[in-house]
PDB file of N, CA and C in Angstrom:
ATOM      1  N   GLU A   1       0.827  -1.194  -0.004  1.00  0.00           N
ATOM      2  CA  GLU A   1      -0.006  -0.003  -0.006  1.00  0.00           C
ATOM      3  C   GLU A   1       0.873   1.256   0.000  1.00  0.00           C
ATOM      4  N   LEU A   2       1.880   1.257   0.894  1.00  0.00           N
ATOM      5  CA  LEU A   2       2.734   2.446   0.952  1.00  0.00           C
ATOM      6  C   LEU A   2       3.558   2.606  -0.335  1.00  0.00           C
ATOM      7  N   LEU A   3       3.931   1.495  -0.950  1.00  0.00           N
ATOM      8  CA  LEU A   3       4.622   1.573  -2.228  1.00  0.00           C
ATOM      9  C   LEU A   3       3.760   2.213  -3.299  1.00  0.00           C
ATOM     10  N   HIS A   4       2.475   1.889  -3.288  1.00  0.00           N
ATOM     11  CA  HIS A   4       1.541   2.514  -4.231  1.00  0.00           C
ATOM     12  C   HIS A   4       1.496   4.034  -4.015  1.00  0.00           C
ATOM     13  N   VAL A   5       1.408   4.440  -2.745  1.00  0.00           N
ATOM     14  CA  VAL A   5       1.387   5.855  -2.400  1.00  0.00           C
ATOM     15  C   VAL A   5       2.679   6.519  -2.848  1.00  0.00           C
ATOM     16  N   ALA A   6       3.820   5.837  -2.618  1.00  0.00           N
ATOM     17  CA  ALA A   6       5.115   6.397  -2.984  1.00  0.00           C
ATOM     18  C   ALA A   6       5.215   6.552  -4.527  1.00  0.00           C
ATOM     19  N   ARG A   7       4.706   5.581  -5.251  1.00  0.00           N
ATOM     20  CA  ARG A   7       4.734   5.695  -6.705  1.00  0.00           C
ATOM     21  C   ARG A   7       3.868   6.855  -7.181  1.00  0.00           C
ATOM     22  N   SER A   8       2.763   7.054  -6.520  1.00  0.00           N
ATOM     23  CA  SER A   8       1.899   8.181  -6.881  1.00  0.00           C
ATOM     24  C   SER A   8       2.604   9.494  -6.622  1.00  0.00           C
ATOM     25  N   ASP A   9       3.292   9.540  -5.468  1.00  0.00           N
ATOM     26  CA  ASP A   9       4.007  10.756  -5.109  1.00  0.00           C
ATOM     27  C   ASP A   9       5.135  11.032  -6.095  1.00  0.00           C
ATOM     28  N   ALA A  10       5.743   9.970  -6.628  1.00  0.00           N
ATOM     29  CA  ALA A  10       6.853  10.123  -7.582  1.00  0.00           C
ATOM     30  C   ALA A  10       6.371  10.421  -9.010  1.00  0.00           C
ATOM     31  N   GLY A  11       5.050  10.428  -9.206  1.00  0.00           N
ATOM     32  CA  GLY A  11       4.505  10.733 -10.519  1.00  0.00           C
ATOM     33  C   GLY A  11       4.348   9.512 -11.405  1.00  0.00           C
ATOM     34  N   ALA A  12       4.641   8.331 -10.876  1.00  0.00           N
ATOM     35  CA  ALA A  12       4.517   7.114 -11.677  1.00  0.00           C
ATOM     36  C   ALA A  12       3.062   6.678 -11.858  1.00  0.00           C
ATOM     37  N   LEU A  13       2.196   7.116 -11.015  1.00  0.00           N
ATOM     38  CA  LEU A  13       0.769   6.803 -11.085  1.00  0.00           C
ATOM     39  C   LEU A  13      -0.001   8.112 -11.087  1.00  0.00           C
ATOM     40  N   PRO A  14      -1.131   8.112 -11.785  1.00  0.00           N
ATOM     41  CA  PRO A  14      -1.913   9.358 -11.819  1.00  0.00           C
ATOM     42  C   PRO A  14      -2.527   9.685 -10.440  1.00  0.00           C
ATOM     43  N   VAL A  15      -2.536  10.955 -10.108  1.00  0.00           N
ATOM     44  CA  VAL A  15      -3.114  11.445  -8.872  1.00  0.00           C
ATOM     45  C   VAL A  15      -4.242  12.395  -9.221  1.00  0.00           C
ATOM     46  N   GLN A  16      -5.386  12.192  -8.587  1.00  0.00           N
ATOM     47  CA  GLN A  16      -6.560  13.031  -8.837  1.00  0.00           C
ATOM     48  C   GLN A  16      -6.729  14.019  -7.664  1.00  0.00           C
ATOM     49  N   LEU A  17      -6.126  15.202  -7.799  1.00  0.00           N
ATOM     50  CA  LEU A  17      -6.217  16.183  -6.725  1.00  0.00           C
ATOM     51  C   LEU A  17      -7.567  16.862  -6.746  1.00  0.00           C
ATOM     52  N   ALA A  18      -8.151  17.007  -5.573  1.00  0.00           N
ATOM     53  CA  ALA A  18      -9.420  17.703  -5.426  1.00  0.00           C
ATOM     54  C   ALA A  18      -9.525  18.160  -3.976  1.00  0.00           C
ATOM     55  N   PRO A  19     -10.324  19.179  -3.691  1.00  0.00           N
ATOM     56  CA  PRO A  19     -10.504  19.589  -2.306  1.00  0.00           C
ATOM     57  C   PRO A  19     -11.147  18.460  -1.507  1.00  0.00           C
ATOM     58  N   CYS A  20     -10.627  18.187  -0.344  1.00  0.00           N
ATOM     59  CA  CYS A  20     -11.222  17.189   0.542  1.00  0.00           C
ATOM     60  C   CYS A  20     -10.860  17.530   1.979  1.00  0.00           C
ATOM     61  N   TYR A  21     -11.505  16.867   2.893  1.00  0.00           N
ATOM     62  CA  TYR A  21     -11.281  17.117   4.315  1.00  0.00           C
ATOM     63  C   TYR A  21     -10.633  15.883   4.939  1.00  0.00           C
ATOM     64  N   LEU A  22      -9.457  16.063   5.511  1.00  0.00           N
ATOM     65  CA  LEU A  22      -8.738  14.951   6.126  1.00  0.00           C
ATOM     66  C   LEU A  22      -9.536  14.332   7.260  1.00  0.00           C
ATOM     67  N   ASP A  23     -10.214  15.166   8.032  1.00  0.00           N
ATOM     68  CA  ASP A  23     -10.987  14.614   9.166  1.00  0.00           C
ATOM     69  C   ASP A  23     -12.120  13.728   8.672  1.00  0.00           C
ATOM     70  N   ASP A  24     -12.719  14.054   7.541  1.00  0.00           N
ATOM     71  CA  ASP A  24     -13.778  13.223   6.981  1.00  0.00           C
ATOM     72  C   ASP A  24     -13.217  11.899   6.476  1.00  0.00           C
ATOM     73  N   ILE A  25     -12.049  11.937   5.894  1.00  0.00           N
ATOM     74  CA  ILE A  25     -11.424  10.709   5.414  1.00  0.00           C
ATOM     75  C   ILE A  25     -11.148   9.761   6.562  1.00  0.00           C
ATOM     76  N   VAL A  26     -10.608  10.285   7.655  1.00  0.00           N
ATOM     77  CA  VAL A  26     -10.349   9.459   8.823  1.00  0.00           C
ATOM     78  C   VAL A  26     -11.660   8.926   9.400  1.00  0.00           C
ATOM     79  N   ALA A  27     -12.664   9.796   9.517  1.00  0.00           N
ATOM     80  CA  ALA A  27     -13.958   9.356  10.076  1.00  0.00           C
ATOM     81  C   ALA A  27     -14.588   8.276   9.205  1.00  0.00           C
ATOM     82  N   ASP A  28     -14.361   8.335   7.891  1.00  0.00           N
ATOM     83  CA  ASP A  28     -14.935   7.332   7.000  1.00  0.00           C
ATOM     84  C   ASP A  28     -14.255   5.976   7.101  1.00  0.00           C
ATOM     85  N   ILE A  29     -12.968   5.973   7.430  1.00  0.00           N
ATOM     86  CA  ILE A  29     -12.237   4.717   7.442  1.00  0.00           C
ATOM     87  C   ILE A  29     -12.243   4.022   8.819  1.00  0.00           C
ATOM     88  N   VAL A  30     -12.430   4.783   9.882  1.00  0.00           N
ATOM     89  CA  VAL A  30     -12.394   4.219  11.240  1.00  0.00           C
ATOM     90  C   VAL A  30     -13.370   3.044  11.406  1.00  0.00           C
ATOM     91  N   PRO A  31     -14.595   3.109  10.911  1.00  0.00           N
ATOM     92  CA  PRO A  31     -15.519   1.978  11.127  1.00  0.00           C
ATOM     93  C   PRO A  31     -14.962   0.625  10.636  1.00  0.00           C
ATOM     94  N   ARG A  32     -14.125   0.654   9.622  1.00  0.00           N
ATOM     95  CA  ARG A  32     -13.521  -0.598   9.147  1.00  0.00           C
ATOM     96  C   ARG A  32     -12.687  -1.287  10.202  1.00  0.00           C
ATOM     97  N   PHE A  33     -12.133  -0.521  11.131  1.00  0.00           N
ATOM     98  CA  PHE A  33     -11.257  -1.062  12.155  1.00  0.00           C
ATOM     99  C   PHE A  33     -11.959  -1.275  13.493  1.00  0.00           C
ATOM    100  N   GLU A  34     -13.169  -0.794  13.637  1.00  0.00           N
ATOM    101  CA  GLU A  34     -13.852  -0.870  14.938  1.00  0.00           C
ATOM    102  C   GLU A  34     -14.000  -2.256  15.524  1.00  0.00           C
ATOM    103  N   PRO A  35     -14.281  -3.291  14.743  1.00  0.00           N
ATOM    104  CA  PRO A  35     -14.371  -4.633  15.352  1.00  0.00           C
ATOM    105  C   PRO A  35     -13.073  -5.057  16.067  1.00  0.00           C
ATOM    106  N   GLU A  36     -11.930  -4.812  15.419  1.00  0.00           N
ATOM    107  CA  GLU A  36     -10.669  -5.157  16.051  1.00  0.00           C
ATOM    108  C   GLU A  36     -10.360  -4.252  17.248  1.00  0.00           C
ATOM    109  N   ILE A  37     -10.698  -2.987  17.121  1.00  0.00           N
ATOM    110  CA  ILE A  37     -10.483  -2.037  18.221  1.00  0.00           C
ATOM    111  C   ILE A  37     -11.262  -2.521  19.472  1.00  0.00           C
ATOM    112  N   ARG A  38     -12.529  -2.869  19.255  1.00  0.00           N
ATOM    113  CA  ARG A  38     -13.336  -3.351  20.367  1.00  0.00           C
ATOM    114  C   ARG A  38     -12.838  -4.694  20.923  1.00  0.00           C
ATOM    115  N   SER A  39     -12.535  -5.616  20.045  1.00  0.00           N
ATOM    116  CA  SER A  39     -12.125  -6.952  20.509  1.00  0.00           C
ATOM    117  C   SER A  39     -10.823  -6.925  21.293  1.00  0.00           C
ATOM    118  N   ARG A  40      -9.982  -5.948  21.020  1.00  0.00           N
ATOM    119  CA  ARG A  40      -8.716  -5.847  21.741  1.00  0.00           C
ATOM    120  C   ARG A  40      -8.725  -4.776  22.806  1.00  0.00           C
ATOM    121  N   ALA A  41      -9.900  -4.199  23.080  1.00  0.00           N
ATOM    122  CA  ALA A  41     -10.087  -3.215  24.142  1.00  0.00           C
ATOM    123  C   ALA A  41      -9.128  -2.031  23.985  1.00  0.00           C
ATOM    124  N   ILE A  42      -8.939  -1.604  22.751  1.00  0.00           N
ATOM    125  CA  ILE A  42      -8.039  -0.471  22.468  1.00  0.00           C
ATOM    126  C   ILE A  42      -8.885   0.804  22.452  1.00  0.00           C
ATOM    127  N   THR A  43      -8.341   1.856  23.007  1.00  0.00           N
ATOM    128  CA  THR A  43      -8.976   3.171  22.954  1.00  0.00           C
ATOM    129  C   THR A  43      -8.482   3.905  21.736  1.00  0.00           C
ATOM    130  N   LEU A  44      -9.410   4.325  20.894  1.00  0.00           N
ATOM    131  CA  LEU A  44      -9.050   5.143  19.726  1.00  0.00           C
ATOM    132  C   LEU A  44      -9.428   6.567  20.037  1.00  0.00           C
ATOM    133  N   ASP A  45      -8.431   7.411  20.185  1.00  0.00           N
ATOM    134  CA  ASP A  45      -8.622   8.823  20.574  1.00  0.00           C
ATOM    135  C   ASP A  45      -8.616   9.678  19.306  1.00  0.00           C
ATOM    136  N   LEU A  46      -9.776  10.225  18.991  1.00  0.00           N
ATOM    137  CA  LEU A  46      -9.914  11.113  17.824  1.00  0.00           C
ATOM    138  C   LEU A  46     -10.088  12.567  18.242  1.00  0.00           C
ATOM    139  N   GLU A  47      -9.832  12.876  19.526  1.00  0.00           N
ATOM    140  CA  GLU A  47     -10.029  14.247  20.038  1.00  0.00           C
ATOM    141  C   GLU A  47      -9.150  15.268  19.321  1.00  0.00           C
ATOM    142  N   GLY A  48      -7.974  14.891  18.884  1.00  0.00           N
ATOM    143  CA  GLY A  48      -7.068  15.805  18.212  1.00  0.00           C
ATOM    144  C   GLY A  48      -7.432  16.050  16.743  1.00  0.00           C
ATOM    145  N   LEU A  49      -8.397  15.318  16.251  1.00  0.00           N
ATOM    146  CA  LEU A  49      -8.795  15.421  14.863  1.00  0.00           C
ATOM    147  C   LEU A  49      -9.607  16.684  14.665  1.00  0.00           C
ATOM    148  N   GLN A  50      -9.106  17.558  13.794  1.00  0.00           N
ATOM    149  CA  GLN A  50      -9.771  18.830  13.537  1.00  0.00           C
ATOM    150  C   GLN A  50     -10.052  18.926  12.033  1.00  0.00           C
ATOM    151  N   GLU A  51     -10.989  19.781  11.709  1.00  0.00           N
ATOM    152  CA  GLU A  51     -11.328  19.991  10.310  1.00  0.00           C
ATOM    153  C   GLU A  51     -10.063  20.486   9.575  1.00  0.00           C
ATOM    154  N   ALA A  52      -9.754  19.809   8.460  1.00  0.00           N
ATOM    155  CA  ALA A  52      -8.574  20.166   7.714  1.00  0.00           C
ATOM    156  C   ALA A  52      -8.863  19.989   6.244  1.00  0.00           C
ATOM    157  N   ARG A  53      -9.099  21.094   5.545  1.00  0.00           N
ATOM    158  CA  ARG A  53      -9.367  21.061   4.109  1.00  0.00           C
ATOM    159  C   ARG A  53      -8.064  21.115   3.335  1.00  0.00           C
ATOM    160  N   VAL A  54      -7.882  20.177   2.445  1.00  0.00           N
ATOM    161  CA  VAL A  54      -6.653  20.104   1.646  1.00  0.00           C
ATOM    162  C   VAL A  54      -6.949  19.754   0.219  1.00  0.00           C
ATOM    163  N   MET A  55      -5.981  19.961  -0.659  1.00  0.00           N
ATOM    164  CA  MET A  55      -6.044  19.479  -2.022  1.00  0.00           C
ATOM    165  C   MET A  55      -5.287  18.161  -2.017  1.00  0.00           C
ATOM    166  N   ALA A  56      -5.985  17.055  -2.280  1.00  0.00           N
ATOM    167  CA  ALA A  56      -5.347  15.755  -2.229  1.00  0.00           C
ATOM    168  C   ALA A  56      -6.167  14.770  -3.053  1.00  0.00           C
ATOM    169  N   ASP A  57      -5.565  13.614  -3.259  1.00  0.00           N
ATOM    170  CA  ASP A  57      -6.269  12.488  -3.855  1.00  0.00           C
ATOM    171  C   ASP A  57      -6.884  11.718  -2.693  1.00  0.00           C
ATOM    172  N   ALA A  58      -8.188  11.882  -2.483  1.00  0.00           N
ATOM    173  CA  ALA A  58      -8.853  11.323  -1.312  1.00  0.00           C
ATOM    174  C   ALA A  58      -8.674   9.801  -1.229  1.00  0.00           C
ATOM    175  N   ALA A  59      -8.697   9.118  -2.363  1.00  0.00           N
ATOM    176  CA  ALA A  59      -8.523   7.669  -2.342  1.00  0.00           C
ATOM    177  C   ALA A  59      -7.134   7.283  -1.867  1.00  0.00           C
ATOM    178  N   LEU A  60      -6.112   7.994  -2.303  1.00  0.00           N
ATOM    179  CA  LEU A  60      -4.754   7.713  -1.849  1.00  0.00           C
ATOM    180  C   LEU A  60      -4.577   8.030  -0.351  1.00  0.00           C
ATOM    181  N   VAL A  61      -5.157   9.142   0.073  1.00  0.00           N
ATOM    182  CA  VAL A  61      -5.062   9.491   1.504  1.00  0.00           C
ATOM    183  C   VAL A  61      -5.778   8.457   2.328  1.00  0.00           C
ATOM    184  N   GLN A  62      -6.942   7.987   1.849  1.00  0.00           N
ATOM    185  CA  GLN A  62      -7.675   6.963   2.590  1.00  0.00           C
ATOM    186  C   GLN A  62      -6.840   5.682   2.712  1.00  0.00           C
ATOM    187  N   ARG A  63      -6.165   5.293   1.616  1.00  0.00           N
ATOM    188  CA  ARG A  63      -5.306   4.128   1.664  1.00  0.00           C
ATOM    189  C   ARG A  63      -4.186   4.314   2.681  1.00  0.00           C
ATOM    190  N   MET A  64      -3.564   5.493   2.651  1.00  0.00           N
ATOM    191  CA  MET A  64      -2.461   5.782   3.565  1.00  0.00           C
ATOM    192  C   MET A  64      -2.947   5.757   5.023  1.00  0.00           C
ATOM    193  N   VAL A  65      -4.082   6.364   5.313  1.00  0.00           N
ATOM    194  CA  VAL A  65      -4.596   6.361   6.689  1.00  0.00           C
ATOM    195  C   VAL A  65      -4.934   4.923   7.098  1.00  0.00           C
ATOM    196  N   GLY A  66      -5.448   4.139   6.180  1.00  0.00           N
ATOM    197  CA  GLY A  66      -5.742   2.727   6.462  1.00  0.00           C
ATOM    198  C   GLY A  66      -4.479   1.971   6.829  1.00  0.00           C
ATOM    199  N   VAL A  67      -3.402   2.194   6.123  1.00  0.00           N
ATOM    200  CA  VAL A  67      -2.129   1.532   6.427  1.00  0.00           C
ATOM    201  C   VAL A  67      -1.633   1.969   7.824  1.00  0.00           C
ATOM    202  N   LEU A  68      -1.722   3.256   8.095  1.00  0.00           N
ATOM    203  CA  LEU A  68      -1.277   3.753   9.398  1.00  0.00           C
ATOM    204  C   LEU A  68      -2.096   3.170  10.553  1.00  0.00           C
ATOM    205  N   LEU A  69      -3.428   3.128  10.388  1.00  0.00           N
ATOM    206  CA  LEU A  69      -4.259   2.544  11.426  1.00  0.00           C
ATOM    207  C   LEU A  69      -4.010   1.045  11.570  1.00  0.00           C
ATOM    208  N   ASP A  70      -3.842   0.348  10.463  1.00  0.00           N
ATOM    209  CA  ASP A  70      -3.548  -1.077  10.515  1.00  0.00           C
ATOM    210  C   ASP A  70      -2.255  -1.322  11.269  1.00  0.00           C
ATOM    211  N   ASN A  71      -1.218  -0.551  10.993  1.00  0.00           N
ATOM    212  CA  ASN A  71       0.046  -0.685  11.705  1.00  0.00           C
ATOM    213  C   ASN A  71      -0.089  -0.338  13.169  1.00  0.00           C
ATOM    214  N   ALA A  72      -0.824   0.715  13.466  1.00  0.00           N
ATOM    215  CA  ALA A  72      -1.022   1.104  14.877  1.00  0.00           C
ATOM    216  C   ALA A  72      -1.723  -0.015  15.628  1.00  0.00           C
ATOM    217  N   LEU A  73      -2.747  -0.630  15.034  1.00  0.00           N
ATOM    218  CA  LEU A  73      -3.406  -1.755  15.679  1.00  0.00           C
ATOM    219  C   LEU A  73      -2.493  -2.947  15.845  1.00  0.00           C
ATOM    220  N   ARG A  74      -1.709  -3.199  14.839  1.00  0.00           N
ATOM    221  CA  ARG A  74      -0.808  -4.350  14.892  1.00  0.00           C
ATOM    222  C   ARG A  74       0.196  -4.248  16.051  1.00  0.00           C
ATOM    223  N   TYR A  75       0.643  -3.033  16.333  1.00  0.00           N
ATOM    224  CA  TYR A  75       1.718  -2.851  17.337  1.00  0.00           C
ATOM    225  C   TYR A  75       1.244  -2.268  18.653  1.00  0.00           C
ATOM    226  N   THR A  76      -0.048  -2.067  18.819  1.00  0.00           N
ATOM    227  CA  THR A  76      -0.587  -1.572  20.081  1.00  0.00           C
ATOM    228  C   THR A  76      -1.045  -2.756  20.916  1.00  0.00           C
ATOM    229  N   PRO A  77      -0.578  -2.863  22.138  1.00  0.00           N
ATOM    230  CA  PRO A  77      -0.970  -4.003  22.948  1.00  0.00           C
ATOM    231  C   PRO A  77      -2.456  -3.910  23.372  1.00  0.00           C
ATOM    232  N   ARG A  78      -3.022  -5.061  23.712  1.00  0.00           N
ATOM    233  CA  ARG A  78      -4.387  -5.117  24.200  1.00  0.00           C
ATOM    234  C   ARG A  78      -4.578  -4.110  25.326  1.00  0.00           C
ATOM    235  N   GLY A  79      -5.672  -3.350  25.258  1.00  0.00           N
ATOM    236  CA  GLY A  79      -5.975  -2.340  26.278  1.00  0.00           C
ATOM    237  C   GLY A  79      -5.202  -1.039  26.058  1.00  0.00           C
ATOM    238  N   GLY A  80      -4.458  -0.930  24.953  1.00  0.00           N
ATOM    239  CA  GLY A  80      -3.656   0.247  24.687  1.00  0.00           C
ATOM    240  C   GLY A  80      -4.491   1.398  24.113  1.00  0.00           C
ATOM    241  N   ARG A  81      -3.801   2.405  23.665  1.00  0.00           N
ATOM    242  CA  ARG A  81      -4.454   3.615  23.149  1.00  0.00           C
ATOM    243  C   ARG A  81      -3.772   4.049  21.866  1.00  0.00           C
ATOM    244  N   ILE A  82      -4.580   4.438  20.879  1.00  0.00           N
ATOM    245  CA  ILE A  82      -4.106   5.006  19.634  1.00  0.00           C
ATOM    246  C   ILE A  82      -4.691   6.391  19.501  1.00  0.00           C
ATOM    247  N   ALA A  83      -3.834   7.371  19.303  1.00  0.00           N
ATOM    248  CA  ALA A  83      -4.309   8.768  19.131  1.00  0.00           C
ATOM    249  C   ALA A  83      -4.130   9.159  17.686  1.00  0.00           C
ATOM    250  N   VAL A  84      -5.181   9.710  17.081  1.00  0.00           N
ATOM    251  CA  VAL A  84      -5.115  10.178  15.710  1.00  0.00           C
ATOM    252  C   VAL A  84      -5.123  11.703  15.727  1.00  0.00           C
TER     253      VAL A  84
END
């Protein structure tokens, strides 16, 4: 996944830039991880998440956030906390 993002950043893959909100992208992807978050009693702290309008490829940003959340879950011990 990160290699795909890196290739896009290097211009090897097309990027579709458009106005989007990073906080909405995160809010949209979090439900995908909720079953594992609950089953491992992990606290997901989204309090620091603020409205952030950017020009970006929303699909690529969503993939990147997904990779980051997946890694955070993989390396956070049961009962731990992940802050976004």
